[in-house]
Amino acid sequence: QVQLVESGGGSVQPGGPRRLSCLASTAYFNTYTMPWYRQIPEKERELVASIRTDRIDTYADSVKARFTISRDNRQNTVYLLMFSLKPGDTAVYYCKSTRSGVGSWGRGTQVTVSS
């Protein structure tokens, strides 16, 4: 099972940027699709962005043009760069590793957008 550790969360003012990181403990990081999800209390986890092994990325409509997902296979890390943050982006952000239908989750990192 892949161990995932997210970092970079915290408080940010509306309109500000934030970069999240997710470090994966696997020698086969480049074989995993790596999505980011987010969740607010009493709501289902929402897919925010995903990056495939060929680096093709996809985004939820709510974050398109504001968020960018990227990966560094040498560092076993996936990033989520967030711009123009809104209060509605406040959530716990989770990364996940997926391969052949099997996935592992990190513990999440809280992002709070507030003035």
C-alpha atoms as a PDB file:
ATOM      1  CA  GLN A   1       0.000   0.000   0.000  1.00  0.00           C
ATOM      2  CA  VAL A   2       1.280   3.424  -0.936  1.00  0.00           C
ATOM      3  CA  GLN A   3       1.718   5.857   1.934  1.00  0.00           C
ATOM      4  CA  LEU A   4       0.768   9.429   1.031  1.00  0.00           C
ATOM      5  CA  VAL A   5       1.528  12.560   3.025  1.00  0.00           C
ATOM      6  CA  GLU A   6      -0.052  15.869   2.095  1.00  0.00           C
ATOM      7  CA  SER A   7       1.371  19.230   3.123  1.00  0.00           C
ATOM      8  CA  GLY A   8       0.957  22.913   2.393  1.00  0.00           C
ATOM      9  CA  GLY A   9      -2.443  23.552   3.880  1.00  0.00           C
ATOM     10  CA  GLY A  10      -3.250  26.525   6.059  1.00  0.00           C
ATOM     11  CA  SER A  11      -5.120  29.792   6.097  1.00  0.00           C
ATOM     12  CA  VAL A  12      -5.149  32.047   3.061  1.00  0.00           C
ATOM     13  CA  GLN A  13      -6.995  35.215   2.201  1.00  0.00           C
ATOM     14  CA  PRO A  14      -9.514  35.263  -0.633  1.00  0.00           C
ATOM     15  CA  GLY A  15      -7.799  35.783  -3.947  1.00  0.00           C
ATOM     16  CA  GLY A  16      -4.538  34.370  -2.655  1.00  0.00           C
ATOM     17  CA  PRO A  17      -2.513  31.379  -3.846  1.00  0.00           C
ATOM     18  CA  ARG A  18      -1.541  28.175  -2.138  1.00  0.00           C
ATOM     19  CA  ARG A  19       0.459  25.150  -3.175  1.00  0.00           C
ATOM     20  CA  LEU A  20      -0.241  21.710  -1.821  1.00  0.00           C
ATOM     21  CA  SER A  21       2.198  18.822  -2.029  1.00  0.00           C
ATOM     22  CA  CYS A  22       1.706  15.092  -1.701  1.00  0.00           C
ATOM     23  CA  LEU A  23       4.683  12.822  -1.169  1.00  0.00           C
ATOM     24  CA  ALA A  24       4.248   9.161  -2.065  1.00  0.00           C
ATOM     25  CA  SER A  25       6.273   6.316  -0.607  1.00  0.00           C
ATOM     26  CA  THR A  26       6.631   4.059  -3.592  1.00  0.00           C
ATOM     27  CA  ALA A  27       9.352   3.253  -6.066  1.00  0.00           C
ATOM     28  CA  TYR A  28       6.716   3.048  -8.793  1.00  0.00           C
ATOM     29  CA  PHE A  29       5.245   6.521  -8.459  1.00  0.00           C
ATOM     30  CA  ASN A  30       5.367   7.067 -12.206  1.00  0.00           C
ATOM     31  CA  THR A  31       2.888   4.200 -12.723  1.00  0.00           C
ATOM     32  CA  TYR A  32       0.130   5.783 -10.637  1.00  0.00           C
ATOM     33  CA  THR A  33      -2.582   8.214 -11.583  1.00  0.00           C
ATOM     34  CA  MET A  34      -2.634  10.869  -8.873  1.00  0.00           C
ATOM     35  CA  PRO A  35      -5.844  12.759  -8.170  1.00  0.00           C
ATOM     36  CA  TRP A  36      -6.588  15.443  -5.594  1.00  0.00           C
ATOM     37  CA  TYR A  37      -9.938  15.475  -3.817  1.00  0.00           C
ATOM     38  CA  ARG A  38     -11.463  17.789  -1.268  1.00  0.00           C
ATOM     39  CA  GLN A  39     -14.161  17.410   1.340  1.00  0.00           C
ATOM     40  CA  ILE A  40     -16.180  19.680   3.568  1.00  0.00           C
ATOM     41  CA  PRO A  41     -18.134  18.405   6.567  1.00  0.00           C
ATOM     42  CA  GLU A  42     -21.278  16.435   5.757  1.00  0.00           C
ATOM     43  CA  LYS A  43     -20.495  16.430   2.043  1.00  0.00           C
ATOM     44  CA  GLU A  44     -19.068  13.726  -0.178  1.00  0.00           C
ATOM     45  CA  ARG A  45     -15.472  13.884  -1.224  1.00  0.00           C
ATOM     46  CA  GLU A  46     -15.177  15.830  -4.481  1.00  0.00           C
ATOM     47  CA  LEU A  47     -12.653  15.192  -7.253  1.00  0.00           C
ATOM     48  CA  VAL A  48     -10.732  18.414  -7.857  1.00  0.00           C
ATOM     49  CA  ALA A  49      -8.026  17.466 -10.329  1.00  0.00           C
ATOM     50  CA  SER A  50      -6.174  14.425 -11.583  1.00  0.00           C
ATOM     51  CA  ILE A  51      -2.956  13.743 -13.448  1.00  0.00           C
ATOM     52  CA  ARG A  52      -2.242  10.546 -15.332  1.00  0.00           C
ATOM     53  CA  THR A  53       1.038   8.780 -15.862  1.00  0.00           C
ATOM     54  CA  ASP A  54       1.301  10.481 -19.267  1.00  0.00           C
ATOM     55  CA  ARG A  55       0.760  13.824 -17.488  1.00  0.00           C
ATOM     56  CA  ILE A  56      -2.666  14.408 -18.999  1.00  0.00           C
ATOM     57  CA  ASP A  57      -4.558  16.452 -16.423  1.00  0.00           C
ATOM     58  CA  THR A  58      -8.249  17.022 -15.794  1.00  0.00           C
ATOM     59  CA  TYR A  59     -10.103  19.425 -13.532  1.00  0.00           C
ATOM     60  CA  ALA A  60     -13.462  19.951 -11.940  1.00  0.00           C
ATOM     61  CA  ASP A  61     -15.361  22.811 -13.557  1.00  0.00           C
ATOM     62  CA  SER A  62     -15.298  24.707 -10.285  1.00  0.00           C
ATOM     63  CA  VAL A  63     -11.492  24.982 -10.298  1.00  0.00           C
ATOM     64  CA  LYS A  64     -10.625  25.131 -14.008  1.00  0.00           C
ATOM     65  CA  ALA A  65      -8.294  28.012 -14.862  1.00  0.00           C
ATOM     66  CA  ARG A  66      -7.557  28.520 -11.152  1.00  0.00           C
ATOM     67  CA  PHE A  67      -5.881  25.268 -10.113  1.00  0.00           C
ATOM     68  CA  THR A  68      -2.985  23.428 -11.735  1.00  0.00           C
ATOM     69  CA  ILE A  69      -1.948  19.880 -10.952  1.00  0.00           C
ATOM     70  CA  SER A  70       1.566  18.660 -11.695  1.00  0.00           C
ATOM     71  CA  ARG A  71       3.859  15.811 -10.774  1.00  0.00           C
ATOM     72  CA  ASP A  72       7.556  15.297 -10.226  1.00  0.00           C
ATOM     73  CA  ASN A  73       8.312  11.628 -10.714  1.00  0.00           C
ATOM     74  CA  ARG A  74      11.882  12.025  -9.479  1.00  0.00           C
ATOM     75  CA  GLN A  75      10.598  13.422  -6.168  1.00  0.00           C
ATOM     76  CA  ASN A  76       7.566  11.091  -5.951  1.00  0.00           C
ATOM     77  CA  THR A  77       5.443  14.171  -5.454  1.00  0.00           C
ATOM     78  CA  VAL A  78       2.237  15.554  -6.890  1.00  0.00           C
ATOM     79  CA  TYR A  79       1.379  19.223  -6.500  1.00  0.00           C
ATOM     80  CA  LEU A  80      -1.793  21.246  -6.567  1.00  0.00           C
ATOM     81  CA  LEU A  81      -1.183  24.911  -7.271  1.00  0.00           C
ATOM     82  CA  MET A  82      -4.214  26.982  -6.418  1.00  0.00           C
ATOM     83  CA  PHE A  83      -4.798  30.581  -7.448  1.00  0.00           C
ATOM     84  CA  SER A  84      -7.645  33.035  -6.879  1.00  0.00           C
ATOM     85  CA  LEU A  85      -8.850  31.091  -3.904  1.00  0.00           C
ATOM     86  CA  LYS A  86     -12.411  31.598  -2.747  1.00  0.00           C
ATOM     87  CA  PRO A  87     -14.104  30.887   0.573  1.00  0.00           C
ATOM     88  CA  GLY A  88     -15.887  28.056  -1.217  1.00  0.00           C
ATOM     89  CA  ASP A  89     -12.525  26.341  -1.701  1.00  0.00           C
ATOM     90  CA  THR A  90     -12.255  25.829   2.044  1.00  0.00           C
ATOM     91  CA  ALA A  91     -11.974  22.091   2.624  1.00  0.00           C
ATOM     92  CA  VAL A  92      -9.711  19.259   3.607  1.00  0.00           C
ATOM     93  CA  TYR A  93      -7.671  18.332   0.547  1.00  0.00           C
ATOM     94  CA  TYR A  94      -6.659  14.729  -0.002  1.00  0.00           C
ATOM     95  CA  CYS A  95      -4.374  13.149  -2.525  1.00  0.00           C
ATOM     96  CA  LYS A  96      -4.818   9.619  -3.754  1.00  0.00           C
ATOM     97  CA  SER A  97      -2.765   7.128  -5.702  1.00  0.00           C
ATOM     98  CA  THR A  98      -4.625   4.889  -8.132  1.00  0.00           C
ATOM     99  CA  ARG A  99      -3.496   2.014 -10.310  1.00  0.00           C
ATOM    100  CA  SER A 100      -5.531  -0.827 -11.770  1.00  0.00           C
ATOM    101  CA  GLY A 101      -8.545   0.173  -9.711  1.00  0.00           C
ATOM    102  CA  VAL A 102      -6.699   0.101  -6.398  1.00  0.00           C
ATOM    103  CA  GLY A 103      -6.205   3.314  -4.465  1.00  0.00           C
ATOM    104  CA  SER A 104      -4.607   4.702  -1.320  1.00  0.00           C
ATOM    105  CA  TRP A 105      -5.470   7.934   0.449  1.00  0.00           C
ATOM    106  CA  GLY A 106      -3.477  10.428   2.401  1.00  0.00           C
ATOM    107  CA  ARG A 107      -4.743  11.915   5.660  1.00  0.00           C
ATOM    108  CA  GLY A 108      -5.498  15.276   4.125  1.00  0.00           C
ATOM    109  CA  THR A 109      -4.487  18.865   4.683  1.00  0.00           C
ATOM    110  CA  GLN A 110      -6.869  21.648   5.656  1.00  0.00           C
ATOM    111  CA  VAL A 111      -7.147  24.747   3.490  1.00  0.00           C
ATOM    112  CA  THR A 112      -9.139  27.634   4.912  1.00  0.00           C
ATOM    113  CA  VAL A 113      -9.900  30.645   2.742  1.00  0.00           C
ATOM    114  CA  SER A 114     -11.031  33.538   4.867  1.00  0.00           C
ATOM    115  CA  SER A 115     -10.401  37.214   5.408  1.00  0.00           C
END
